[in-house]
Amino acid sequence: MRKTLICVFLVFGLVIFSEFSINFGIMFGNYDVEPYTLILITEPFLDVYIDGDYIGQTDIFGQLEISFGREGYHFVEIKSDSYMVISKNVFISANGVILKIRPQKAGSIVIFSNVYPVNVYIDNAFYGVVKDKKDELKIPIGAHKLKFLSPGYKVIEKDILISFKEKVPVELNFHKKNLDLYLRNSYDEFSPNGDWYRDKWDLEIFLTTFATITIDIFSENEKVESYRFSGVPGENIFKWNGIKKTGEYLVVVTAYNESEKVMKDTNVKINMEKYTYLKEITILSLFVIFSGIVYVILK
């Protein structure tokens, strides 16, 4: 028992001493710096990377000395499970550099959700993406307002207090947004005649949540073509090659899932008589340019 108490007091004293040494060194330390050398002063046992390569750990006093041999800029990263990552571009001169850094303490959250991936916003700023429950997202200590988003689902908001080195479990139960769809297209007329100008028609279909999309195309109340595919939240692009027959066409778009169904329509015109000669002009222009290059080379 006595030996155990002695060990506890030794460890406690070492921690206090190292903390005091770091604070004293950061605030009052004087150092002789060798030419082209970086002296890093921070917390103990932090991993240090220079230009992406692992260099080593700071010692028990939070110090690490790195020699470069010549002047220049270098990207310094300091990493630890218990602190936020620090990244700095540092210019190493012939006089050497002393870099004193107080890292920001951190905890982390572990997200248990019925839907992945989850986009995380902290204090209204995007912070990261959690792909599954194995991921941990490191967060600065303190009180934060968190927003959790997943495409096609309603936003979840939570207030969370993060303590130093704490792992906070966060349970999320997302609910799908109400289904709706919106249609947009850049032009209402095209000519699938192979002239390279508007040979196809693009229809943008915007969904609020996941759904199956069907597209039925009618000419004079007769269905001429039909398509079906899986839609995702946000933009879905439908490309139609058209029919080689001039006329007005009604395009009916239906989106549905297990509980909702939405239908909207738009019109498009096919004009087979419109020919722009864009293909011939393009080919001729390329031929002239290529011939000019060959002439200059062979001249």
C-alpha atoms as a PDB file:
ATOM      1  CA  MET A   1       0.000   0.000   0.000  1.00  0.00           C
ATOM      2  CA  ARG A   2       2.844   2.310   0.933  1.00  0.00           C
ATOM      3  CA  LYS A   3       4.632   1.677  -2.370  1.00  0.00           C
ATOM      4  CA  THR A   4       1.407   2.353  -4.267  1.00  0.00           C
ATOM      5  CA  LEU A   5       0.958   5.710  -2.546  1.00  0.00           C
ATOM      6  CA  ILE A   6       4.572   6.650  -3.300  1.00  0.00           C
ATOM      7  CA  CYS A   7       4.060   5.810  -7.002  1.00  0.00           C
ATOM      8  CA  VAL A   8       0.848   7.849  -7.115  1.00  0.00           C
ATOM      9  CA  PHE A   9       2.570  10.869  -5.565  1.00  0.00           C
ATOM     10  CA  LEU A  10       5.514  10.521  -7.966  1.00  0.00           C
ATOM     11  CA  VAL A  11       3.232  10.422 -11.018  1.00  0.00           C
ATOM     12  CA  PHE A  12       1.158  13.324  -9.719  1.00  0.00           C
ATOM     13  CA  GLY A  13       4.304  15.345  -9.011  1.00  0.00           C
ATOM     14  CA  LEU A  14       5.662  14.577 -12.483  1.00  0.00           C
ATOM     15  CA  VAL A  15       2.456  15.759 -14.146  1.00  0.00           C
ATOM     16  CA  ILE A  16       2.399  18.972 -12.092  1.00  0.00           C
ATOM     17  CA  PHE A  17       6.075  19.574 -12.790  1.00  0.00           C
ATOM     18  CA  SER A  18       5.695  19.025 -16.528  1.00  0.00           C
ATOM     19  CA  GLU A  19       2.658  21.320 -16.673  1.00  0.00           C
ATOM     20  CA  PHE A  20       4.543  23.997 -14.764  1.00  0.00           C
ATOM     21  CA  SER A  21       7.597  23.533 -16.982  1.00  0.00           C
ATOM     22  CA  ILE A  22       5.534  23.954 -20.145  1.00  0.00           C
ATOM     23  CA  ASN A  23       3.787  27.075 -18.917  1.00  0.00           C
ATOM     24  CA  PHE A  24       7.055  28.546 -17.644  1.00  0.00           C
ATOM     25  CA  GLY A  25       8.868  27.672 -20.863  1.00  0.00           C
ATOM     26  CA  ILE A  26       6.167  29.132 -23.075  1.00  0.00           C
ATOM     27  CA  MET A  27       5.950  32.343 -21.069  1.00  0.00           C
ATOM     28  CA  PHE A  28       9.477  32.996 -19.858  1.00  0.00           C
ATOM     29  CA  GLY A  29      11.918  30.540 -21.463  1.00  0.00           C
ATOM     30  CA  ASN A  30      15.068  31.745 -23.180  1.00  0.00           C
ATOM     31  CA  TYR A  31      16.687  29.503 -25.758  1.00  0.00           C
ATOM     32  CA  ASP A  32      19.831  29.458 -27.847  1.00  0.00           C
ATOM     33  CA  VAL A  33      18.714  28.529 -31.323  1.00  0.00           C
ATOM     34  CA  GLU A  34      21.066  26.911 -33.803  1.00  0.00           C
ATOM     35  CA  PRO A  35      21.008  28.189 -37.421  1.00  0.00           C
ATOM     36  CA  TYR A  36      18.211  26.785 -39.594  1.00  0.00           C
ATOM     37  CA  THR A  37      16.652  25.111 -36.544  1.00  0.00           C
ATOM     38  CA  LEU A  38      13.065  25.048 -35.281  1.00  0.00           C
ATOM     39  CA  ILE A  39      12.458  24.762 -31.537  1.00  0.00           C
ATOM     40  CA  LEU A  40       8.847  23.764 -30.918  1.00  0.00           C
ATOM     41  CA  ILE A  41       7.415  24.423 -27.447  1.00  0.00           C
ATOM     42  CA  THR A  42       3.957  23.086 -26.655  1.00  0.00           C
ATOM     43  CA  GLU A  43       2.354  20.266 -24.617  1.00  0.00           C
ATOM     44  CA  PRO A  44       4.148  16.963 -23.888  1.00  0.00           C
ATOM     45  CA  PHE A  45       3.919  13.913 -26.137  1.00  0.00           C
ATOM     46  CA  LEU A  46       2.310  15.508 -29.187  1.00  0.00           C
ATOM     47  CA  ASP A  47       3.012  14.093 -32.655  1.00  0.00           C
ATOM     48  CA  VAL A  48       4.814  16.491 -34.983  1.00  0.00           C
ATOM     49  CA  TYR A  49       4.755  16.368 -38.794  1.00  0.00           C
ATOM     50  CA  ILE A  50       6.879  18.468 -41.149  1.00  0.00           C
ATOM     51  CA  ASP A  51       5.702  18.762 -44.755  1.00  0.00           C
ATOM     52  CA  GLY A  52       3.532  15.687 -44.216  1.00  0.00           C
ATOM     53  CA  ASP A  53       6.284  13.485 -42.776  1.00  0.00           C
ATOM     54  CA  TYR A  54       6.236  12.284 -39.175  1.00  0.00           C
ATOM     55  CA  ILE A  55       9.214  13.741 -37.284  1.00  0.00           C
ATOM     56  CA  GLY A  56       8.634  12.621 -33.701  1.00  0.00           C
ATOM     57  CA  GLN A  57       6.982  13.556 -30.408  1.00  0.00           C
ATOM     58  CA  THR A  58       7.535  16.468 -28.086  1.00  0.00           C
ATOM     59  CA  ASP A  59       9.332  15.429 -24.885  1.00  0.00           C
ATOM     60  CA  ILE A  60       8.055  15.480 -21.315  1.00  0.00           C
ATOM     61  CA  PHE A  61       8.562  19.256 -21.280  1.00  0.00           C
ATOM     62  CA  GLY A  62       6.652  19.704 -24.534  1.00  0.00           C
ATOM     63  CA  GLN A  63       9.728  20.525 -26.602  1.00  0.00           C
ATOM     64  CA  LEU A  64      11.138  19.263 -29.881  1.00  0.00           C
ATOM     65  CA  GLU A  65      14.146  20.574 -31.811  1.00  0.00           C
ATOM     66  CA  ILE A  66      14.252  20.108 -35.597  1.00  0.00           C
ATOM     67  CA  SER A  67      17.202  21.002 -37.838  1.00  0.00           C
ATOM     68  CA  PHE A  68      16.664  21.792 -41.536  1.00  0.00           C
ATOM     69  CA  GLY A  69      20.095  22.772 -42.869  1.00  0.00           C
ATOM     70  CA  ARG A  70      18.853  25.663 -44.997  1.00  0.00           C
ATOM     71  CA  GLU A  71      16.227  28.378 -44.988  1.00  0.00           C
ATOM     72  CA  GLY A  72      12.755  27.991 -46.458  1.00  0.00           C
ATOM     73  CA  TYR A  73       9.075  27.547 -45.698  1.00  0.00           C
ATOM     74  CA  HIS A  74       7.846  24.351 -44.067  1.00  0.00           C
ATOM     75  CA  PHE A  75       4.367  23.104 -43.184  1.00  0.00           C
ATOM     76  CA  VAL A  76       4.194  22.139 -39.502  1.00  0.00           C
ATOM     77  CA  GLU A  77       1.368  19.998 -38.097  1.00  0.00           C
ATOM     78  CA  ILE A  78       0.879  19.045 -34.458  1.00  0.00           C
ATOM     79  CA  LYS A  79      -1.521  16.199 -33.748  1.00  0.00           C
ATOM     80  CA  SER A  80      -2.905  14.415 -30.699  1.00  0.00           C
ATOM     81  CA  ASP A  81      -6.036  12.512 -29.707  1.00  0.00           C
ATOM     82  CA  SER A  82      -6.645  15.023 -26.888  1.00  0.00           C
ATOM     83  CA  TYR A  83      -6.035  18.320 -28.703  1.00  0.00           C
ATOM     84  CA  MET A  84      -7.208  19.990 -31.885  1.00  0.00           C
ATOM     85  CA  VAL A  85      -4.864  19.716 -34.856  1.00  0.00           C
ATOM     86  CA  ILE A  86      -2.564  22.721 -35.296  1.00  0.00           C
ATOM     87  CA  SER A  87      -1.249  23.620 -38.763  1.00  0.00           C
ATOM     88  CA  LYS A  88       1.198  26.410 -39.535  1.00  0.00           C
ATOM     89  CA  ASN A  89       3.448  27.506 -42.373  1.00  0.00           C
ATOM     90  CA  VAL A  90       6.769  28.463 -40.784  1.00  0.00           C
ATOM     91  CA  PHE A  91       9.733  30.185 -42.415  1.00  0.00           C
ATOM     92  CA  ILE A  92      13.033  28.773 -41.168  1.00  0.00           C
ATOM     93  CA  SER A  93      15.760  31.415 -41.314  1.00  0.00           C
ATOM     94  CA  ALA A  94      19.488  31.386 -40.654  1.00  0.00           C
ATOM     95  CA  ASN A  95      18.742  32.709 -37.150  1.00  0.00           C
ATOM     96  CA  GLY A  96      16.481  29.763 -36.345  1.00  0.00           C
ATOM     97  CA  VAL A  97      12.893  29.900 -35.085  1.00  0.00           C
ATOM     98  CA  ILE A  98      11.188  29.365 -31.749  1.00  0.00           C
ATOM     99  CA  LEU A  99       7.546  28.346 -32.150  1.00  0.00           C
ATOM    100  CA  LYS A 100       5.483  28.499 -28.961  1.00  0.00           C
ATOM    101  CA  ILE A 101       1.987  27.036 -29.235  1.00  0.00           C
ATOM    102  CA  ARG A 102      -0.820  26.437 -26.759  1.00  0.00           C
ATOM    103  CA  PRO A 103      -2.936  23.677 -28.322  1.00  0.00           C
ATOM    104  CA  GLN A 104      -6.703  23.758 -27.914  1.00  0.00           C
ATOM    105  CA  LYS A 105      -8.055  21.009 -25.686  1.00  0.00           C
ATOM    106  CA  ALA A 106     -10.636  18.707 -27.243  1.00  0.00           C
ATOM    107  CA  GLY A 107     -13.104  15.924 -26.673  1.00  0.00           C
ATOM    108  CA  SER A 108     -15.044  13.977 -29.289  1.00  0.00           C
ATOM    109  CA  ILE A 109     -18.496  12.788 -30.294  1.00  0.00           C
ATOM    110  CA  VAL A 110     -19.529   9.331 -31.461  1.00  0.00           C
ATOM    111  CA  ILE A 111     -22.699   9.329 -33.575  1.00  0.00           C
ATOM    112  CA  PHE A 112     -25.190   6.468 -33.424  1.00  0.00           C
ATOM    113  CA  SER A 113     -27.684   7.143 -36.209  1.00  0.00           C
ATOM    114  CA  ASN A 114     -30.370   5.327 -38.175  1.00  0.00           C
ATOM    115  CA  VAL A 115     -28.955   6.986 -41.330  1.00  0.00           C
ATOM    116  CA  TYR A 116     -25.423   7.604 -42.584  1.00  0.00           C
ATOM    117  CA  PRO A 117     -23.545   9.642 -43.707  1.00  0.00           C
ATOM    118  CA  VAL A 118     -24.195  12.517 -41.305  1.00  0.00           C
ATOM    119  CA  ASN A 119     -22.993  16.053 -42.010  1.00  0.00           C
ATOM    120  CA  VAL A 120     -22.111  17.867 -38.804  1.00  0.00           C
ATOM    121  CA  TYR A 121     -22.330  21.635 -38.292  1.00  0.00           C
ATOM    122  CA  ILE A 122     -20.964  23.249 -35.136  1.00  0.00           C
ATOM    123  CA  ASP A 123     -22.114  26.765 -34.247  1.00  0.00           C
ATOM    124  CA  ASN A 124     -23.507  27.105 -37.814  1.00  0.00           C
ATOM    125  CA  ALA A 125     -20.188  26.203 -39.478  1.00  0.00           C
ATOM    126  CA  PHE A 126     -19.646  22.947 -41.392  1.00  0.00           C
ATOM    127  CA  TYR A 127     -17.341  20.722 -39.357  1.00  0.00           C
ATOM    128  CA  GLY A 128     -17.144  17.277 -40.891  1.00  0.00           C
ATOM    129  CA  VAL A 129     -18.820  14.107 -42.150  1.00  0.00           C
ATOM    130  CA  VAL A 130     -19.435  10.961 -40.104  1.00  0.00           C
ATOM    131  CA  LYS A 131     -19.758   7.866 -42.308  1.00  0.00           C
ATOM    132  CA  ASP A 132     -20.580   5.279 -39.619  1.00  0.00           C
ATOM    133  CA  LYS A 133     -20.479   4.707 -35.869  1.00  0.00           C
ATOM    134  CA  LYS A 134     -16.790   3.791 -36.019  1.00  0.00           C
ATOM    135  CA  ASP A 135     -15.948   7.429 -36.776  1.00  0.00           C
ATOM    136  CA  GLU A 136     -15.184   9.906 -34.021  1.00  0.00           C
ATOM    137  CA  LEU A 137     -15.353  13.646 -34.576  1.00  0.00           C
ATOM    138  CA  LYS A 138     -12.941  15.700 -32.488  1.00  0.00           C
ATOM    139  CA  ILE A 139     -14.462  18.902 -31.080  1.00  0.00           C
ATOM    140  CA  PRO A 140     -13.017  21.746 -28.972  1.00  0.00           C
ATOM    141  CA  ILE A 141     -14.031  21.681 -25.313  1.00  0.00           C
ATOM    142  CA  GLY A 142     -16.988  23.821 -24.256  1.00  0.00           C
ATOM    143  CA  ALA A 143     -20.685  24.227 -25.028  1.00  0.00           C
ATOM    144  CA  HIS A 144     -21.687  23.964 -28.696  1.00  0.00           C
ATOM    145  CA  LYS A 145     -24.832  24.038 -30.816  1.00  0.00           C
ATOM    146  CA  LEU A 146     -24.689  21.126 -33.241  1.00  0.00           C
ATOM    147  CA  LYS A 147     -26.738  20.518 -36.384  1.00  0.00           C
ATOM    148  CA  PHE A 148     -26.888  17.104 -38.012  1.00  0.00           C
ATOM    149  CA  LEU A 149     -27.937  16.747 -41.645  1.00  0.00           C
ATOM    150  CA  SER A 150     -28.368  13.795 -43.964  1.00  0.00           C
ATOM    151  CA  PRO A 151     -29.610  14.241 -47.556  1.00  0.00           C
ATOM    152  CA  GLY A 152     -33.370  13.773 -47.793  1.00  0.00           C
ATOM    153  CA  TYR A 153     -33.965  13.898 -44.028  1.00  0.00           C
ATOM    154  CA  LYS A 154     -35.042  16.596 -41.584  1.00  0.00           C
ATOM    155  CA  VAL A 155     -32.366  18.505 -39.672  1.00  0.00           C
ATOM    156  CA  ILE A 156     -31.644  17.531 -36.056  1.00  0.00           C
ATOM    157  CA  GLU A 157     -30.285  20.110 -33.601  1.00  0.00           C
ATOM    158  CA  LYS A 158     -28.655  19.415 -30.223  1.00  0.00           C
ATOM    159  CA  ASP A 159     -26.819  21.377 -27.522  1.00  0.00           C
ATOM    160  CA  ILE A 160     -23.741  19.478 -26.374  1.00  0.00           C
ATOM    161  CA  LEU A 161     -21.110  20.166 -23.702  1.00  0.00           C
ATOM    162  CA  ILE A 162     -17.676  18.736 -24.489  1.00  0.00           C
ATOM    163  CA  SER A 163     -15.107  18.140 -21.717  1.00  0.00           C
ATOM    164  CA  PHE A 164     -11.383  17.465 -22.073  1.00  0.00           C
ATOM    165  CA  LYS A 165     -10.700  13.944 -23.408  1.00  0.00           C
ATOM    166  CA  GLU A 166     -14.415  13.054 -23.100  1.00  0.00           C
ATOM    167  CA  LYS A 167     -16.190  10.906 -25.696  1.00  0.00           C
ATOM    168  CA  VAL A 168     -19.845  11.920 -25.930  1.00  0.00           C
ATOM    169  CA  PRO A 169     -22.308   9.492 -27.551  1.00  0.00           C
ATOM    170  CA  VAL A 170     -24.933  11.184 -29.731  1.00  0.00           C
ATOM    171  CA  GLU A 171     -28.057   9.276 -30.753  1.00  0.00           C
ATOM    172  CA  LEU A 172     -29.829  10.461 -33.896  1.00  0.00           C
ATOM    173  CA  ASN A 173     -33.133   9.302 -35.322  1.00  0.00           C
ATOM    174  CA  PHE A 174     -33.650  10.972 -38.683  1.00  0.00           C
ATOM    175  CA  HIS A 175     -37.084  11.363 -40.261  1.00  0.00           C
ATOM    176  CA  LYS A 176     -37.542  11.752 -44.018  1.00  0.00           C
ATOM    177  CA  LYS A 177     -38.583  15.095 -45.457  1.00  0.00           C
ATOM    178  CA  ASN A 178     -41.964  15.382 -47.159  1.00  0.00           C
ATOM    179  CA  LEU A 179     -41.635  14.448 -50.824  1.00  0.00           C
ATOM    180  CA  ASP A 180     -41.780  17.201 -53.415  1.00  0.00           C
ATOM    181  CA  LEU A 181     -40.278  17.763 -56.832  1.00  0.00           C
ATOM    182  CA  TYR A 182     -39.385  20.740 -59.006  1.00  0.00           C
ATOM    183  CA  LEU A 183     -38.605  20.898 -62.726  1.00  0.00           C
ATOM    184  CA  ARG A 184     -36.204  23.150 -64.623  1.00  0.00           C
ATOM    185  CA  ASN A 185     -34.800  23.153 -68.158  1.00  0.00           C
ATOM    186  CA  SER A 186     -32.555  25.557 -70.062  1.00  0.00           C
ATOM    187  CA  TYR A 187     -34.518  25.512 -73.333  1.00  0.00           C
ATOM    188  CA  ASP A 188     -37.956  24.387 -74.549  1.00  0.00           C
ATOM    189  CA  GLU A 189     -36.994  23.435 -78.104  1.00  0.00           C
ATOM    190  CA  PHE A 190     -34.338  21.131 -79.543  1.00  0.00           C
ATOM    191  CA  SER A 191     -33.515  19.366 -82.797  1.00  0.00           C
ATOM    192  CA  PRO A 192     -32.099  15.824 -82.664  1.00  0.00           C
ATOM    193  CA  ASN A 193     -30.739  16.008 -86.219  1.00  0.00           C
ATOM    194  CA  GLY A 194     -27.019  15.505 -85.561  1.00  0.00           C
ATOM    195  CA  ASP A 195     -25.916  19.114 -86.157  1.00  0.00           C
ATOM    196  CA  TRP A 196     -24.243  19.217 -82.686  1.00  0.00           C
ATOM    197  CA  TYR A 197     -26.496  22.042 -81.509  1.00  0.00           C
ATOM    198  CA  ARG A 198     -29.155  21.066 -78.978  1.00  0.00           C
ATOM    199  CA  ASP A 199     -29.310  17.493 -80.204  1.00  0.00           C
ATOM    200  CA  LYS A 200     -30.521  16.435 -76.749  1.00  0.00           C
ATOM    201  CA  TRP A 201     -32.856  17.898 -74.160  1.00  0.00           C
ATOM    202  CA  ASP A 202     -31.827  18.103 -70.502  1.00  0.00           C
ATOM    203  CA  LEU A 203     -34.448  18.206 -67.763  1.00  0.00           C
ATOM    204  CA  GLU A 204     -33.385  18.950 -64.184  1.00  0.00           C
ATOM    205  CA  ILE A 205     -35.514  17.199 -61.565  1.00  0.00           C
ATOM    206  CA  PHE A 206     -35.069  18.381 -57.979  1.00  0.00           C
ATOM    207  CA  LEU A 207     -36.266  16.136 -55.138  1.00  0.00           C
ATOM    208  CA  THR A 208     -36.572  16.869 -51.439  1.00  0.00           C
ATOM    209  CA  THR A 209     -35.979  13.230 -50.477  1.00  0.00           C
ATOM    210  CA  PHE A 210     -35.331   9.805 -51.982  1.00  0.00           C
ATOM    211  CA  ALA A 211     -37.935   8.596 -54.474  1.00  0.00           C
ATOM    212  CA  THR A 212     -38.514   6.578 -57.623  1.00  0.00           C
ATOM    213  CA  ILE A 213     -38.899   8.776 -60.707  1.00  0.00           C
ATOM    214  CA  THR A 214     -40.967   7.882 -63.752  1.00  0.00           C
ATOM    215  CA  ILE A 215     -41.054  10.005 -66.912  1.00  0.00           C
ATOM    216  CA  ASP A 216     -43.816   9.580 -69.478  1.00  0.00           C
ATOM    217  CA  ILE A 217     -43.628  11.473 -72.770  1.00  0.00           C
ATOM    218  CA  PHE A 218     -46.817  12.092 -74.760  1.00  0.00           C
ATOM    219  CA  SER A 219     -47.522  13.299 -78.272  1.00  0.00           C
ATOM    220  CA  GLU A 220     -51.156  14.195 -78.971  1.00  0.00           C
ATOM    221  CA  ASN A 221     -52.354  12.171 -75.937  1.00  0.00           C
ATOM    222  CA  GLU A 222     -50.376   9.114 -77.047  1.00  0.00           C
ATOM    223  CA  LYS A 223     -47.505   7.878 -74.893  1.00  0.00           C
ATOM    224  CA  VAL A 224     -44.409   7.616 -77.073  1.00  0.00           C
ATOM    225  CA  GLU A 225     -41.681   6.883 -74.520  1.00  0.00           C
ATOM    226  CA  SER A 226     -41.362   6.012 -70.834  1.00  0.00           C
ATOM    227  CA  TYR A 227     -38.437   5.971 -68.369  1.00  0.00           C
ATOM    228  CA  ARG A 228     -37.912   4.979 -64.758  1.00  0.00           C
ATOM    229  CA  PHE A 229     -34.971   5.416 -62.357  1.00  0.00           C
ATOM    230  CA  SER A 230     -34.102   6.004 -58.696  1.00  0.00           C
ATOM    231  CA  GLY A 231     -33.941   9.639 -57.630  1.00  0.00           C
ATOM    232  CA  VAL A 232     -31.829  11.197 -54.881  1.00  0.00           C
ATOM    233  CA  PRO A 233     -32.317  14.378 -52.846  1.00  0.00           C
ATOM    234  CA  GLY A 234     -31.249  17.417 -54.812  1.00  0.00           C
ATOM    235  CA  GLU A 235     -30.606  17.484 -58.561  1.00  0.00           C
ATOM    236  CA  ASN A 236     -31.348  14.591 -60.915  1.00  0.00           C
ATOM    237  CA  ILE A 237     -30.685  15.119 -64.634  1.00  0.00           C
ATOM    238  CA  PHE A 238     -32.754  13.398 -67.319  1.00  0.00           C
ATOM    239  CA  LYS A 239     -31.358  13.490 -70.865  1.00  0.00           C
ATOM    240  CA  TRP A 240     -33.746  12.802 -73.743  1.00  0.00           C
ATOM    241  CA  ASN A 241     -32.477  11.990 -77.226  1.00  0.00           C
ATOM    242  CA  GLY A 242     -35.861  12.888 -78.627  1.00  0.00           C
ATOM    243  CA  ILE A 243     -37.840  11.500 -81.560  1.00  0.00           C
ATOM    244  CA  LYS A 244     -37.148  12.397 -85.144  1.00  0.00           C
ATOM    245  CA  LYS A 245     -40.570  13.923 -85.612  1.00  0.00           C
ATOM    246  CA  THR A 246     -41.385  17.619 -85.348  1.00  0.00           C
ATOM    247  CA  GLY A 247     -44.057  18.403 -82.792  1.00  0.00           C
ATOM    248  CA  GLU A 248     -45.044  19.429 -79.240  1.00  0.00           C
ATOM    249  CA  TYR A 249     -44.452  16.877 -76.493  1.00  0.00           C
ATOM    250  CA  LEU A 250     -45.849  16.691 -72.973  1.00  0.00           C
ATOM    251  CA  VAL A 251     -43.394  15.392 -70.368  1.00  0.00           C
ATOM    252  CA  VAL A 252     -45.028  14.057 -67.189  1.00  0.00           C
ATOM    253  CA  VAL A 253     -42.693  13.472 -64.221  1.00  0.00           C
ATOM    254  CA  THR A 254     -43.871  11.401 -61.253  1.00  0.00           C
ATOM    255  CA  ALA A 255     -41.909  10.885 -58.019  1.00  0.00           C
ATOM    256  CA  TYR A 256     -43.097   8.398 -55.407  1.00  0.00           C
ATOM    257  CA  ASN A 257     -41.956   6.457 -52.360  1.00  0.00           C
ATOM    258  CA  GLU A 258     -43.658   4.106 -49.932  1.00  0.00           C
ATOM    259  CA  SER A 259     -46.051   6.765 -48.625  1.00  0.00           C
ATOM    260  CA  GLU A 260     -46.131   9.757 -51.004  1.00  0.00           C
ATOM    261  CA  LYS A 261     -46.588  10.548 -54.674  1.00  0.00           C
ATOM    262  CA  VAL A 262     -46.017  13.837 -56.530  1.00  0.00           C
ATOM    263  CA  MET A 263     -46.606  14.585 -60.212  1.00  0.00           C
ATOM    264  CA  LYS A 264     -45.595  17.572 -62.374  1.00  0.00           C
ATOM    265  CA  ASP A 265     -45.326  18.195 -66.099  1.00  0.00           C
ATOM    266  CA  THR A 266     -43.661  20.427 -68.666  1.00  0.00           C
ATOM    267  CA  ASN A 267     -43.623  20.864 -72.433  1.00  0.00           C
ATOM    268  CA  VAL A 268     -40.873  20.614 -75.017  1.00  0.00           C
ATOM    269  CA  LYS A 269     -40.836  21.077 -78.791  1.00  0.00           C
ATOM    270  CA  ILE A 270     -38.872  19.075 -81.363  1.00  0.00           C
ATOM    271  CA  ASN A 271     -38.022  20.992 -84.526  1.00  0.00           C
ATOM    272  CA  MET A 272     -36.360  18.735 -87.080  1.00  0.00           C
ATOM    273  CA  GLU A 273     -36.339  21.507 -89.693  1.00  0.00           C
ATOM    274  CA  LYS A 274     -33.871  23.613 -87.731  1.00  0.00           C
ATOM    275  CA  TYR A 275     -30.295  22.886 -88.839  1.00  0.00           C
ATOM    276  CA  THR A 276     -27.402  25.119 -87.703  1.00  0.00           C
ATOM    277  CA  TYR A 277     -24.390  23.589 -89.553  1.00  0.00           C
ATOM    278  CA  LEU A 278     -22.493  23.790 -86.247  1.00  0.00           C
ATOM    279  CA  LYS A 279     -20.945  20.370 -86.898  1.00  0.00           C
ATOM    280  CA  GLU A 280     -19.622  21.328 -90.334  1.00  0.00           C
ATOM    281  CA  ILE A 281     -18.307  24.688 -89.087  1.00  0.00           C
ATOM    282  CA  THR A 282     -16.547  23.037 -86.151  1.00  0.00           C
ATOM    283  CA  ILE A 283     -14.952  20.325 -88.287  1.00  0.00           C
ATOM    284  CA  LEU A 284     -13.827  22.866 -90.886  1.00  0.00           C
ATOM    285  CA  SER A 285     -12.373  25.167 -88.232  1.00  0.00           C
ATOM    286  CA  LEU A 286     -10.431  22.316 -86.655  1.00  0.00           C
ATOM    287  CA  PHE A 287      -9.161  21.252 -90.065  1.00  0.00           C
ATOM    288  CA  VAL A 288      -7.947  24.792 -90.806  1.00  0.00           C
ATOM    289  CA  ILE A 289      -6.227  25.073 -87.424  1.00  0.00           C
ATOM    290  CA  PHE A 290      -4.585  21.670 -87.785  1.00  0.00           C
ATOM    291  CA  SER A 291      -3.461  22.466 -91.349  1.00  0.00           C
ATOM    292  CA  GLY A 292      -1.959  25.747 -90.151  1.00  0.00           C
ATOM    293  CA  ILE A 293      -0.015  23.987 -87.414  1.00  0.00           C
ATOM    294  CA  VAL A 294       1.305  21.385 -89.858  1.00  0.00           C
ATOM    295  CA  TYR A 295       2.287  24.125 -92.342  1.00  0.00           C
ATOM    296  CA  VAL A 296       4.213  26.045 -89.655  1.00  0.00           C
ATOM    297  CA  ILE A 297       6.017  22.883 -88.528  1.00  0.00           C
ATOM    298  CA  LEU A 298       6.986  21.806 -92.061  1.00  0.00           C
ATOM    299  CA  LYS A 299       7.864  25.266 -93.351  1.00  0.00           C
END
